[in-house]
N, C-alpha and C. Protein backbone atom coordinates (compact mmCIF):
# COMPACT_ATOMS: atom_id res chain seq x y z
N UNK A 1 145.36 193.17 160.05
CA UNK A 1 145.47 194.04 160.92
C UNK A 1 144.05 194.05 160.74
N UNK A 2 143.42 193.93 161.74
CA UNK A 2 141.24 194.41 162.10
C UNK A 2 141.57 195.46 161.98
N UNK A 3 140.69 196.15 161.70
CA UNK A 3 140.47 197.81 162.10
C UNK A 3 139.16 198.60 161.42
N UNK A 4 138.53 199.53 162.04
CA UNK A 4 137.31 199.89 162.91
C UNK A 4 136.60 199.94 161.59
N UNK A 5 137.13 200.73 160.81
CA UNK A 5 136.89 201.22 159.72
C UNK A 5 137.26 200.53 157.69
N UNK A 6 136.95 199.21 158.78
CA UNK A 6 136.55 198.42 156.97
C UNK A 6 135.84 198.89 156.32
N UNK A 7 136.08 198.77 155.14
CA UNK A 7 134.84 198.90 153.84
C UNK A 7 133.77 198.04 154.24
N UNK A 8 132.37 198.29 154.56
CA UNK A 8 131.10 197.93 154.14
C UNK A 8 130.57 197.68 152.97
N UNK A 9 131.55 196.38 152.25
CA UNK A 9 131.07 195.97 150.95
C UNK A 9 130.23 195.17 150.26
N UNK A 10 129.57 195.33 149.42
CA UNK A 10 128.45 194.56 148.98
C UNK A 10 128.55 193.03 148.77
N UNK A 11 129.94 193.16 148.54
CA UNK A 11 130.98 190.94 148.10
C UNK A 11 132.40 191.22 148.75
N UNK A 12 132.61 190.47 149.29
CA UNK A 12 133.56 190.18 150.36
C UNK A 12 135.05 190.60 149.44
N UNK A 13 135.98 191.31 150.23
CA UNK A 13 137.20 191.61 149.48
C UNK A 13 138.09 191.41 150.18
N UNK A 14 139.32 191.09 149.98
CA UNK A 14 140.55 190.29 151.09
C UNK A 14 140.41 191.95 151.81
N UNK A 15 141.31 191.28 153.29
CA UNK A 15 141.08 191.97 153.94
C UNK A 15 141.97 193.23 154.06
N UNK A 16 143.31 193.18 152.97
CA UNK A 16 143.95 193.96 152.54
C UNK A 16 143.18 195.61 152.26
N UNK A 17 142.26 194.75 150.99
CA UNK A 17 141.75 196.11 150.41
C UNK A 17 140.29 196.30 151.36
N UNK A 18 140.01 195.33 151.87
CA UNK A 18 138.69 196.00 152.64
C UNK A 18 139.17 197.06 153.62
N UNK A 19 140.22 196.84 154.59
CA UNK A 19 140.34 197.66 156.08
C UNK A 19 141.36 198.65 155.70
N UNK A 20 141.52 198.84 154.02
CA UNK A 20 143.05 199.83 153.43
C UNK A 20 141.47 201.44 153.96
N UNK A 21 142.30 202.64 154.54
CA UNK A 21 141.95 203.70 154.43
C UNK A 21 142.70 204.73 154.72
N UNK A 22 142.74 205.94 155.00
CA UNK A 22 143.41 206.97 154.48
C UNK A 22 143.64 207.96 156.04
N UNK A 23 144.18 207.44 157.14
CA UNK A 23 144.12 207.89 158.07
C UNK A 23 144.94 209.43 158.30
N UNK A 24 144.46 210.47 158.91
CA UNK A 24 145.82 211.75 158.99
C UNK A 24 146.91 211.18 160.23
N UNK A 25 146.32 210.97 161.22
CA UNK A 25 146.79 210.41 162.73
C UNK A 25 147.90 209.70 162.58
N UNK A 26 149.23 209.94 162.74
CA UNK A 26 149.96 208.94 162.66
C UNK A 26 150.49 208.73 163.73
N UNK A 27 151.79 207.68 164.23
CA UNK A 27 152.08 207.66 165.52
C UNK A 27 153.71 208.49 165.36
N UNK A 28 153.74 209.25 166.11
CA UNK A 28 154.56 210.36 166.06
C UNK A 28 156.29 209.80 166.35
N UNK A 29 156.17 208.52 167.49
CA UNK A 29 156.95 207.94 167.54
C UNK A 29 157.85 206.94 166.98
N UNK A 30 156.93 206.26 165.93
CA UNK A 30 157.44 205.45 165.30
C UNK A 30 158.66 206.03 164.21
N UNK A 31 159.34 204.59 163.46
CA UNK A 31 160.70 205.24 162.63
C UNK A 31 160.43 203.67 161.86
N UNK A 32 160.21 204.32 160.99
CA UNK A 32 159.56 203.76 159.60
C UNK A 32 161.53 203.55 158.96
N UNK A 33 162.10 202.16 159.66
CA UNK A 33 163.14 200.89 159.05
C UNK A 33 163.00 199.91 158.33
N UNK A 34 164.39 200.57 157.34
CA UNK A 34 164.52 199.80 156.16
C UNK A 34 163.76 198.43 155.76
N UNK A 35 164.26 197.77 157.01
CA UNK A 35 163.44 196.24 156.93
C UNK A 35 162.03 196.13 156.41
N UNK A 36 161.30 197.26 156.49
CA UNK A 36 159.78 197.56 156.59
C UNK A 36 159.79 198.31 154.99
N UNK A 37 160.36 199.31 155.27
CA UNK A 37 160.54 200.67 153.87
C UNK A 37 160.95 199.51 152.91
N UNK A 38 161.83 198.63 152.49
CA UNK A 38 162.03 197.70 150.93
C UNK A 38 160.95 197.35 151.05
N UNK A 39 160.19 196.34 151.83
CA UNK A 39 159.07 195.95 150.81
C UNK A 39 158.31 196.07 150.05
N UNK A 40 158.27 197.84 151.00
CA UNK A 40 157.18 198.73 150.26
C UNK A 40 157.58 199.14 148.53
N UNK A 41 158.63 199.35 148.49
CA UNK A 41 159.42 199.97 147.48
C UNK A 41 159.23 199.07 146.23
N UNK A 42 159.76 197.42 146.94
CA UNK A 42 159.77 196.32 146.61
C UNK A 42 158.59 196.11 145.42
N UNK A 43 157.71 195.66 146.07
CA UNK A 43 156.00 195.32 146.12
C UNK A 43 155.40 197.16 144.61
N UNK A 44 155.74 198.03 145.17
CA UNK A 44 155.65 199.20 143.77
C UNK A 44 157.16 198.20 142.47
N UNK A 45 157.60 197.82 143.35
CA UNK A 45 158.60 197.58 141.82
C UNK A 45 158.33 196.64 140.83
N UNK A 46 157.60 195.93 141.70
CA UNK A 46 156.87 194.73 140.96
C UNK A 46 155.54 194.98 140.16
N UNK A 47 154.55 196.65 140.20
CA UNK A 47 153.67 196.79 139.30
C UNK A 47 153.99 196.42 138.25
N UNK A 48 152.64 196.05 137.55
CA UNK A 48 152.76 196.35 136.37
C UNK A 48 153.00 197.68 135.50
N UNK A 49 153.46 197.51 134.22
CA UNK A 49 153.49 199.44 133.53
C UNK A 49 153.68 198.45 131.78
N UNK A 50 153.00 199.61 130.81
CA UNK A 50 153.14 199.56 129.07
C UNK A 50 154.80 199.21 129.19
N UNK A 51 154.76 197.70 128.57
CA UNK A 51 155.97 197.76 127.41
C UNK A 51 157.17 198.37 128.93
N UNK A 52 156.83 197.55 129.94
CA UNK A 52 157.96 197.33 130.88
C UNK A 52 158.42 198.55 131.37
N UNK A 53 158.26 199.46 131.21
CA UNK A 53 159.20 201.45 131.26
C UNK A 53 159.52 201.25 132.62
N UNK A 54 157.71 200.74 133.51
CA UNK A 54 158.40 201.09 134.79
C UNK A 54 158.61 202.40 135.04
N UNK A 55 158.50 203.71 134.85
CA UNK A 55 158.55 205.11 134.71
C UNK A 55 158.34 205.80 136.21
N UNK A 56 157.89 205.31 137.39
CA UNK A 56 157.82 205.98 138.70
C UNK A 56 158.91 205.99 139.19
N UNK A 57 159.27 206.70 139.97
CA UNK A 57 160.32 207.31 140.90
C UNK A 57 160.29 207.20 141.97
N UNK A 58 160.59 207.25 143.14
CA UNK A 58 160.55 207.04 144.94
C UNK A 58 161.50 208.80 145.35
N UNK A 59 160.82 209.52 145.82
CA UNK A 59 162.06 210.11 146.70
C UNK A 59 161.62 209.57 148.58
N UNK A 60 162.69 209.28 148.97
CA UNK A 60 161.98 208.86 150.28
C UNK A 60 162.94 209.44 151.58
N UNK A 61 161.75 210.34 152.29
CA UNK A 61 162.04 211.35 153.62
C UNK A 61 161.26 210.46 154.48
N UNK A 62 162.53 210.42 155.58
CA UNK A 62 161.85 210.19 157.20
C UNK A 62 162.14 211.56 157.97
N UNK A 63 160.93 211.17 158.92
CA UNK A 63 160.52 212.52 159.54
C UNK A 63 162.45 212.78 160.83
N UNK A 64 162.38 213.69 160.89
CA UNK A 64 163.98 214.21 161.73
C UNK A 64 164.88 214.45 160.17
N UNK A 65 164.73 214.29 158.99
CA UNK A 65 166.02 214.30 158.51
C UNK A 65 165.32 216.03 157.52
N UNK A 66 166.48 216.50 156.75
CA UNK A 66 166.48 218.11 156.35
C UNK A 66 165.23 217.38 155.02
N UNK A 67 165.46 216.40 154.49
CA UNK A 67 164.40 215.98 153.52
C UNK A 67 163.32 216.10 153.69
N UNK A 68 163.05 215.60 154.71
CA UNK A 68 161.77 215.45 155.01
C UNK A 68 161.05 216.66 155.08
N UNK A 69 161.58 217.63 155.98
CA UNK A 69 160.99 219.31 156.30
C UNK A 69 160.53 219.74 154.83
N UNK A 70 161.92 219.84 154.14
CA UNK A 70 161.78 220.39 152.61
C UNK A 70 160.34 220.03 152.17
N UNK A 71 160.06 218.35 151.87
CA UNK A 71 158.67 218.09 151.81
C UNK A 71 157.96 218.18 152.06
N UNK A 72 158.43 218.39 153.66
CA UNK A 72 156.13 219.14 154.13
C UNK A 72 156.04 220.47 153.85
N UNK A 73 157.06 221.05 153.50
CA UNK A 73 157.47 222.79 153.52
C UNK A 73 155.98 222.38 152.09
N UNK A 74 156.47 221.64 151.22
CA UNK A 74 155.03 221.86 149.75
C UNK A 74 154.11 221.66 149.94
N UNK A 75 153.79 220.88 151.27
CA UNK A 75 152.01 220.20 151.27
C UNK A 75 151.67 222.02 151.19
N UNK A 76 149.92 221.95 151.13
CA UNK A 76 149.05 222.28 151.16
C UNK A 76 148.91 222.66 152.90
N UNK A 77 148.59 223.67 153.61
CA UNK A 77 148.72 223.98 155.25
C UNK A 77 147.30 223.45 155.78
N UNK A 78 147.00 222.68 154.85
CA UNK A 78 145.53 221.82 155.21
C UNK A 78 146.64 220.47 155.40
N UNK A 79 147.40 219.77 155.16
CA UNK A 79 147.73 218.36 154.86
C UNK A 79 149.23 218.77 155.93
N UNK A 80 149.88 220.39 155.79
CA UNK A 80 151.38 220.24 156.86
C UNK A 80 150.20 220.35 158.04
N UNK A 81 149.15 220.33 158.64
CA UNK A 81 148.92 220.45 160.28
C UNK A 81 148.94 218.71 160.35
N UNK A 82 148.79 217.62 159.46
CA UNK A 82 148.89 216.51 160.11
C UNK A 82 150.58 215.89 159.70
N UNK A 83 150.95 215.92 158.43
CA UNK A 83 151.73 214.76 158.23
C UNK A 83 152.73 215.05 158.59
N UNK A 84 152.89 216.21 159.59
CA UNK A 84 153.89 216.11 160.17
C UNK A 84 154.90 215.01 161.14
N UNK A 85 153.94 214.38 161.68
CA UNK A 85 153.75 213.33 162.78
C UNK A 85 153.64 211.88 161.55
N UNK A 86 153.63 211.49 160.36
CA UNK A 86 154.05 210.70 159.70
C UNK A 86 155.42 209.96 159.55
N UNK A 87 155.92 208.83 159.57
CA UNK A 87 157.37 207.93 159.82
C UNK A 87 157.95 208.69 158.36
N UNK A 88 157.44 208.78 157.21
CA UNK A 88 157.85 208.91 156.20
C UNK A 88 156.76 209.95 155.29
N UNK A 89 157.75 210.71 154.24
CA UNK A 89 156.89 211.23 153.19
C UNK A 89 157.78 210.59 152.12
N UNK A 90 156.92 210.11 151.01
CA UNK A 90 157.77 210.06 149.69
C UNK A 90 157.00 210.97 148.94
N UNK A 91 158.06 211.50 147.74
CA UNK A 91 157.58 212.34 147.31
C UNK A 91 157.52 211.14 145.88
N UNK A 92 156.37 210.86 145.45
CA UNK A 92 156.20 210.13 143.87
C UNK A 92 156.22 211.13 142.61
N UNK A 93 156.79 210.82 141.53
CA UNK A 93 157.39 211.04 140.33
C UNK A 93 156.91 210.11 139.21
N UNK A 94 156.73 210.84 137.85
CA UNK A 94 156.79 209.88 137.10
C UNK A 94 157.96 210.32 135.88
N UNK A 95 158.49 209.71 135.20
CA UNK A 95 158.79 210.14 133.84
C UNK A 95 158.58 209.59 132.63
N UNK A 96 158.18 211.02 132.55
CA UNK A 96 157.33 210.87 131.67
C UNK A 96 157.36 211.22 129.59
N UNK A 97 158.80 210.78 129.70
CA UNK A 97 159.56 210.74 128.05
C UNK A 97 160.41 209.29 128.58
N UNK A 98 160.75 209.09 127.41
CA UNK A 98 161.82 208.33 127.26
C UNK A 98 163.03 208.52 127.13
N UNK A 99 164.00 207.32 126.40
CA UNK A 99 165.24 207.94 126.53
C UNK A 99 165.34 208.91 124.93
N UNK A 100 164.47 207.59 124.10
CA UNK A 100 164.30 208.45 122.66
C UNK A 100 163.78 210.23 122.39
N UNK A 101 163.23 210.56 123.93
CA UNK A 101 162.46 211.68 123.81
C UNK A 101 161.21 211.71 123.58
N UNK A 102 160.32 210.77 124.15
CA UNK A 102 158.90 210.01 123.02
C UNK A 102 158.13 210.21 124.33
N UNK A 103 157.32 210.79 123.80
CA UNK A 103 155.99 210.92 125.42
C UNK A 103 155.34 210.00 126.02
N UNK A 104 155.70 209.22 126.91
CA UNK A 104 155.38 208.15 127.92
C UNK A 104 153.62 208.08 127.80
N UNK A 105 153.06 207.75 127.16
CA UNK A 105 151.28 208.61 127.04
C UNK A 105 150.68 207.44 128.60
N UNK A 106 151.34 206.36 129.20
CA UNK A 106 150.79 205.72 130.45
C UNK A 106 151.60 206.12 131.17
N UNK A 107 152.26 206.43 131.38
CA UNK A 107 153.52 206.92 132.40
C UNK A 107 152.56 207.10 133.85
N UNK A 108 151.55 208.09 133.23
CA UNK A 108 150.75 208.64 135.15
C UNK A 108 150.16 207.53 135.72
N UNK A 109 149.53 206.42 134.64
CA UNK A 109 148.60 205.31 134.91
C UNK A 109 149.29 203.96 135.83
N UNK A 110 150.70 204.23 135.05
CA UNK A 110 151.53 203.02 135.68
C UNK A 110 151.91 203.43 136.74
N UNK A 111 152.43 204.90 136.95
CA UNK A 111 152.65 205.28 138.41
C UNK A 111 151.59 205.05 139.47
N UNK A 112 150.63 205.11 139.37
CA UNK A 112 149.76 205.21 140.75
C UNK A 112 149.50 203.73 140.46
N UNK A 113 149.44 202.79 139.32
CA UNK A 113 149.54 201.17 140.01
C UNK A 113 150.71 201.26 140.87
N UNK A 114 151.82 201.56 140.47
CA UNK A 114 153.30 201.34 141.40
C UNK A 114 153.00 201.99 143.04
N UNK A 115 152.18 203.16 143.22
CA UNK A 115 151.72 203.77 144.05
C UNK A 115 150.57 202.31 145.03
N UNK A 116 149.61 201.49 144.49
CA UNK A 116 148.81 201.13 144.54
C UNK A 116 149.23 199.57 145.30
N UNK A 117 150.39 199.31 144.52
CA UNK A 117 151.32 198.17 144.92
C UNK A 117 151.61 198.95 146.23
N UNK A 118 152.46 199.59 146.57
CA UNK A 118 152.97 200.07 147.82
C UNK A 118 152.27 199.83 148.42
N UNK A 119 150.79 200.78 148.77
CA UNK A 119 150.22 200.78 149.76
C UNK A 119 149.55 199.66 150.20
N UNK A 120 148.88 198.68 149.29
CA UNK A 120 148.77 196.86 149.62
C UNK A 120 149.81 196.26 150.64
N UNK A 121 150.58 196.57 150.15
CA UNK A 121 152.11 195.90 151.08
C UNK A 121 151.91 196.98 152.15
N UNK A 122 151.48 197.96 152.45
CA UNK A 122 151.86 198.69 154.07
C UNK A 122 151.11 198.52 154.56
N UNK A 123 149.76 198.27 154.10
CA UNK A 123 148.63 197.65 154.57
C UNK A 123 149.12 195.79 155.57
N UNK A 124 149.86 195.25 154.72
CA UNK A 124 150.41 194.32 155.14
C UNK A 124 150.99 194.26 156.29
N UNK A 125 152.07 195.43 156.27
CA UNK A 125 152.65 195.31 157.66
C UNK A 125 152.20 196.51 158.68
N UNK A 126 150.98 196.06 158.68
CA UNK A 126 150.15 196.71 159.81
C UNK A 126 150.67 198.61 159.63
N UNK A 127 150.77 199.09 158.20
CA UNK A 127 151.12 200.44 158.68
C UNK A 127 150.07 201.29 157.60
N UNK A 128 149.91 201.88 157.66
CA UNK A 128 149.13 203.10 157.29
C UNK A 128 149.64 203.94 155.89
N UNK A 129 149.11 204.92 154.94
CA UNK A 129 149.11 205.06 154.26
C UNK A 129 148.11 206.42 153.51
N UNK A 130 148.33 207.93 153.44
CA UNK A 130 147.53 209.25 153.08
C UNK A 130 148.04 209.50 151.58
N UNK A 131 147.39 209.38 150.80
CA UNK A 131 148.20 210.39 149.58
C UNK A 131 147.65 211.14 149.29
N UNK A 132 148.64 212.52 148.76
CA UNK A 132 148.23 213.99 148.64
C UNK A 132 148.61 214.07 147.53
N UNK A 133 147.25 214.85 146.88
CA UNK A 133 148.01 215.70 145.85
C UNK A 133 147.56 217.33 146.22
N UNK A 134 147.60 217.48 146.98
CA UNK A 134 147.85 218.74 147.96
C UNK A 134 148.76 219.24 148.13
N UNK A 135 149.77 219.56 147.14
CA UNK A 135 151.16 219.54 146.92
C UNK A 135 151.85 220.93 145.89
N UNK A 136 152.93 221.91 146.32
CA UNK A 136 152.87 222.08 145.02
C UNK A 136 154.14 221.53 144.50
N UNK A 137 153.61 221.13 143.22
CA UNK A 137 154.36 220.20 142.58
C UNK A 137 155.63 221.34 142.19
N UNK A 138 155.79 221.99 141.80
CA UNK A 138 156.51 223.21 141.08
C UNK A 138 157.86 223.15 142.43
N UNK A 139 157.22 223.53 143.29
CA UNK A 139 158.52 223.64 144.82
C UNK A 139 158.91 222.40 145.15
N UNK A 140 157.92 221.07 144.77
CA UNK A 140 158.88 219.77 144.81
C UNK A 140 159.98 219.88 144.03
N UNK A 141 159.92 219.94 142.80
CA UNK A 141 160.98 220.12 141.74
C UNK A 141 162.01 220.52 141.89
N UNK A 142 161.65 222.38 142.76
CA UNK A 142 162.44 222.78 142.88
C UNK A 142 163.95 222.24 143.99
N UNK A 143 162.84 222.16 145.29
CA UNK A 143 163.41 222.00 146.54
C UNK A 143 164.61 220.83 146.62
N UNK A 144 163.74 219.67 145.48
CA UNK A 144 165.40 218.17 145.23
C UNK A 144 165.81 218.10 143.61
N UNK A 145 165.56 219.42 143.13
CA UNK A 145 166.39 219.46 141.75
C UNK A 145 165.85 218.20 141.06
N UNK A 146 164.76 217.87 140.55
CA UNK A 146 163.93 217.24 139.77
C UNK A 146 164.11 217.47 138.20
N UNK A 147 164.38 216.54 137.42
CA UNK A 147 164.51 216.86 135.54
C UNK A 147 163.53 217.57 135.66
N UNK A 148 162.96 217.94 133.79
CA UNK A 148 162.00 218.80 133.47
C UNK A 148 161.33 216.95 133.17
N UNK A 149 161.77 216.06 132.96
CA UNK A 149 161.22 214.72 132.55
C UNK A 149 160.42 214.23 133.64
N UNK A 150 160.50 214.90 134.62
CA UNK A 150 160.25 214.06 135.84
C UNK A 150 159.03 214.93 136.94
N UNK A 151 157.67 214.34 136.40
CA UNK A 151 156.49 214.68 136.99
C UNK A 151 156.04 214.46 138.33
N UNK A 152 156.80 215.64 139.84
CA UNK A 152 155.67 215.12 140.19
C UNK A 152 154.31 214.94 140.96
N UNK A 153 153.42 213.43 141.40
CA UNK A 153 152.20 213.29 141.30
C UNK A 153 152.03 213.41 142.47
N UNK A 154 152.61 212.53 143.45
CA UNK A 154 151.37 212.76 145.37
C UNK A 154 152.65 212.99 145.34
N UNK A 155 152.39 213.17 147.31
CA UNK A 155 153.48 212.62 148.22
C UNK A 155 152.00 211.93 149.15
N UNK A 156 153.22 210.87 149.44
CA UNK A 156 152.51 209.81 150.26
C UNK A 156 153.25 209.83 151.70
N UNK A 157 152.47 209.84 153.01
CA UNK A 157 152.97 209.90 153.83
C UNK A 157 152.49 208.43 154.38
N UNK A 158 153.35 207.94 155.29
CA UNK A 158 153.63 206.35 156.00
C UNK A 158 153.83 206.26 157.24
N UNK A 159 153.32 205.31 157.81
CA UNK A 159 153.59 205.29 159.66
C UNK A 159 152.78 204.38 160.38
N UNK A 160 152.55 204.43 161.37
CA UNK A 160 151.53 203.83 161.99
C UNK A 160 150.68 204.61 162.18
N UNK A 161 149.25 203.94 162.38
CA UNK A 161 147.74 204.78 163.20
C UNK A 161 147.61 205.22 164.47
N UNK A 162 147.57 206.20 164.52
CA UNK A 162 147.07 206.70 165.68
C UNK A 162 145.98 206.78 166.01
N UNK A 163 145.79 207.60 167.55
CA UNK A 163 144.31 207.66 167.68
C UNK A 163 144.15 209.38 167.52
N UNK A 164 143.10 209.27 166.99
CA UNK A 164 142.18 210.25 166.31
C UNK A 164 142.16 211.84 167.34
N UNK A 165 142.27 211.15 168.48
CA UNK A 165 141.89 212.51 169.52
C UNK A 165 143.49 213.08 169.59
N UNK A 166 144.29 212.62 168.33
CA UNK A 166 145.84 213.28 168.02
C UNK A 166 145.38 214.77 167.57
N UNK A 167 144.09 214.85 166.42
CA UNK A 167 144.27 215.92 165.58
C UNK A 167 143.13 217.02 165.91
N UNK A 168 143.53 218.38 165.69
CA UNK A 168 142.20 219.45 165.59
C UNK A 168 141.09 218.45 165.37
N UNK A 169 140.23 219.29 166.01
CA UNK A 169 138.78 218.71 166.24
C UNK A 169 138.33 218.57 164.87
N UNK A 170 138.44 219.25 163.88
CA UNK A 170 137.61 218.86 162.33
C UNK A 170 137.98 217.85 162.00
N UNK A 171 139.26 217.53 162.09
CA UNK A 171 140.26 216.39 161.73
C UNK A 171 139.73 215.18 162.12
N UNK A 172 139.50 214.90 163.24
CA UNK A 172 139.15 214.03 164.42
C UNK A 172 138.06 213.66 164.06
N UNK A 173 137.12 214.58 163.50
CA UNK A 173 135.37 214.09 163.08
C UNK A 173 135.47 213.41 161.68
N UNK A 174 136.51 213.84 160.81
CA UNK A 174 136.14 213.54 159.64
C UNK A 174 137.30 211.65 159.94
N UNK A 175 138.20 211.95 160.50
CA UNK A 175 138.84 210.38 161.02
C UNK A 175 137.53 209.47 161.65
N UNK A 176 137.20 210.09 162.70
CA UNK A 176 135.65 208.86 162.97
C UNK A 176 135.06 208.90 162.02
N UNK A 177 134.40 209.80 160.86
CA UNK A 177 133.34 209.27 160.12
C UNK A 177 133.24 208.06 159.22
N UNK A 178 132.30 207.82 159.29
CA UNK A 178 132.18 206.36 158.75
C UNK A 178 132.65 206.41 156.87
N UNK A 179 133.17 205.48 156.38
CA UNK A 179 133.69 205.03 155.08
C UNK A 179 132.17 205.49 153.95
N UNK A 180 132.29 205.90 152.88
CA UNK A 180 131.61 206.01 152.35
C UNK A 180 132.06 206.06 150.50
N UNK A 181 131.35 205.60 149.76
CA UNK A 181 131.50 205.11 148.02
C UNK A 181 130.56 205.36 147.54
N UNK A 182 130.36 205.69 145.99
CA UNK A 182 129.21 205.79 145.03
C UNK A 182 128.51 204.08 145.45
N UNK A 183 127.41 204.02 144.87
CA UNK A 183 127.02 202.76 144.50
C UNK A 183 128.23 202.08 143.02
N UNK A 184 128.26 200.81 143.60
CA UNK A 184 129.10 200.41 142.15
C UNK A 184 128.15 200.58 140.92
N UNK A 185 126.77 200.58 140.57
CA UNK A 185 125.75 200.88 139.60
C UNK A 185 126.50 202.14 138.53
N UNK A 186 127.26 203.26 139.71
CA UNK A 186 127.20 204.36 139.60
C UNK A 186 128.49 204.38 138.84
N UNK A 187 129.25 203.56 138.95
CA UNK A 187 130.76 203.62 138.26
C UNK A 187 131.08 202.81 136.68
N UNK A 188 129.88 202.46 136.55
CA UNK A 188 129.30 201.53 135.92
C UNK A 188 128.94 202.02 134.10
N UNK A 189 129.83 202.17 133.21
CA UNK A 189 129.37 202.94 131.75
C UNK A 189 128.42 201.67 130.92
N UNK A 190 127.56 202.25 130.78
CA UNK A 190 126.95 200.98 129.20
C UNK A 190 127.41 201.86 128.21
N UNK A 191 127.81 200.35 127.72
CA UNK A 191 128.15 200.60 125.87
C UNK A 191 126.56 201.85 125.10
N UNK A 192 126.86 202.20 124.35
CA UNK A 192 126.68 203.04 123.50
C UNK A 192 125.68 202.14 122.50
N UNK A 193 124.41 202.61 121.81
CA UNK A 193 123.69 201.25 120.68
C UNK A 193 124.58 201.24 119.31
N UNK A 194 125.05 200.91 118.99
CA UNK A 194 125.64 200.50 117.35
C UNK A 194 124.30 201.62 116.21
N UNK A 195 124.93 202.52 116.36
CA UNK A 195 123.86 202.99 114.82
C UNK A 195 123.88 202.00 114.11
N UNK A 196 122.12 202.32 113.34
CA UNK A 196 122.24 201.22 112.18
C UNK A 196 123.03 202.18 110.59
N UNK A 197 123.49 201.50 109.77
CA UNK A 197 124.25 202.15 108.72
C UNK A 197 122.58 202.53 107.79
């Protein structure tokens, strides 16, 4: 899928990565059926994880369902404005404790990898995703009866992208703004010199 918001990269990237971005404008007529949803979740299932622990969990809600409305209700107001048009909202949680009660040190890292896999697979299907940290995790835990070992991490909007003109003016402007990233050199750490003994 070619998109006008493709990243201006300094080195060629695979189009699935270069063209991925996080729109807020979704087509409210689009329906996410199981034939498309299942590959997204399967991609997440095959993400790497420490000791193959696979700590991620996904709660899938579709627009029009009671569960979608409950999850939408946990979003920050700024996200509620646009997220109701998404075809699905997914609550992503991490199981942070193993069966013996021991803390899983890499559960959040691994869960992030699973989401990244899902996002790239969605891109391959011509779908857009928008990850939201702006939600009330405690409210989500209560709304869906999550046990104490499950830590809500992010809510993921999934759907078919739509024109920015569907959004209120401030959000539409952000939708049409150029994509920017920090220069690569600013993201690289330099090894500290070894002190002489």
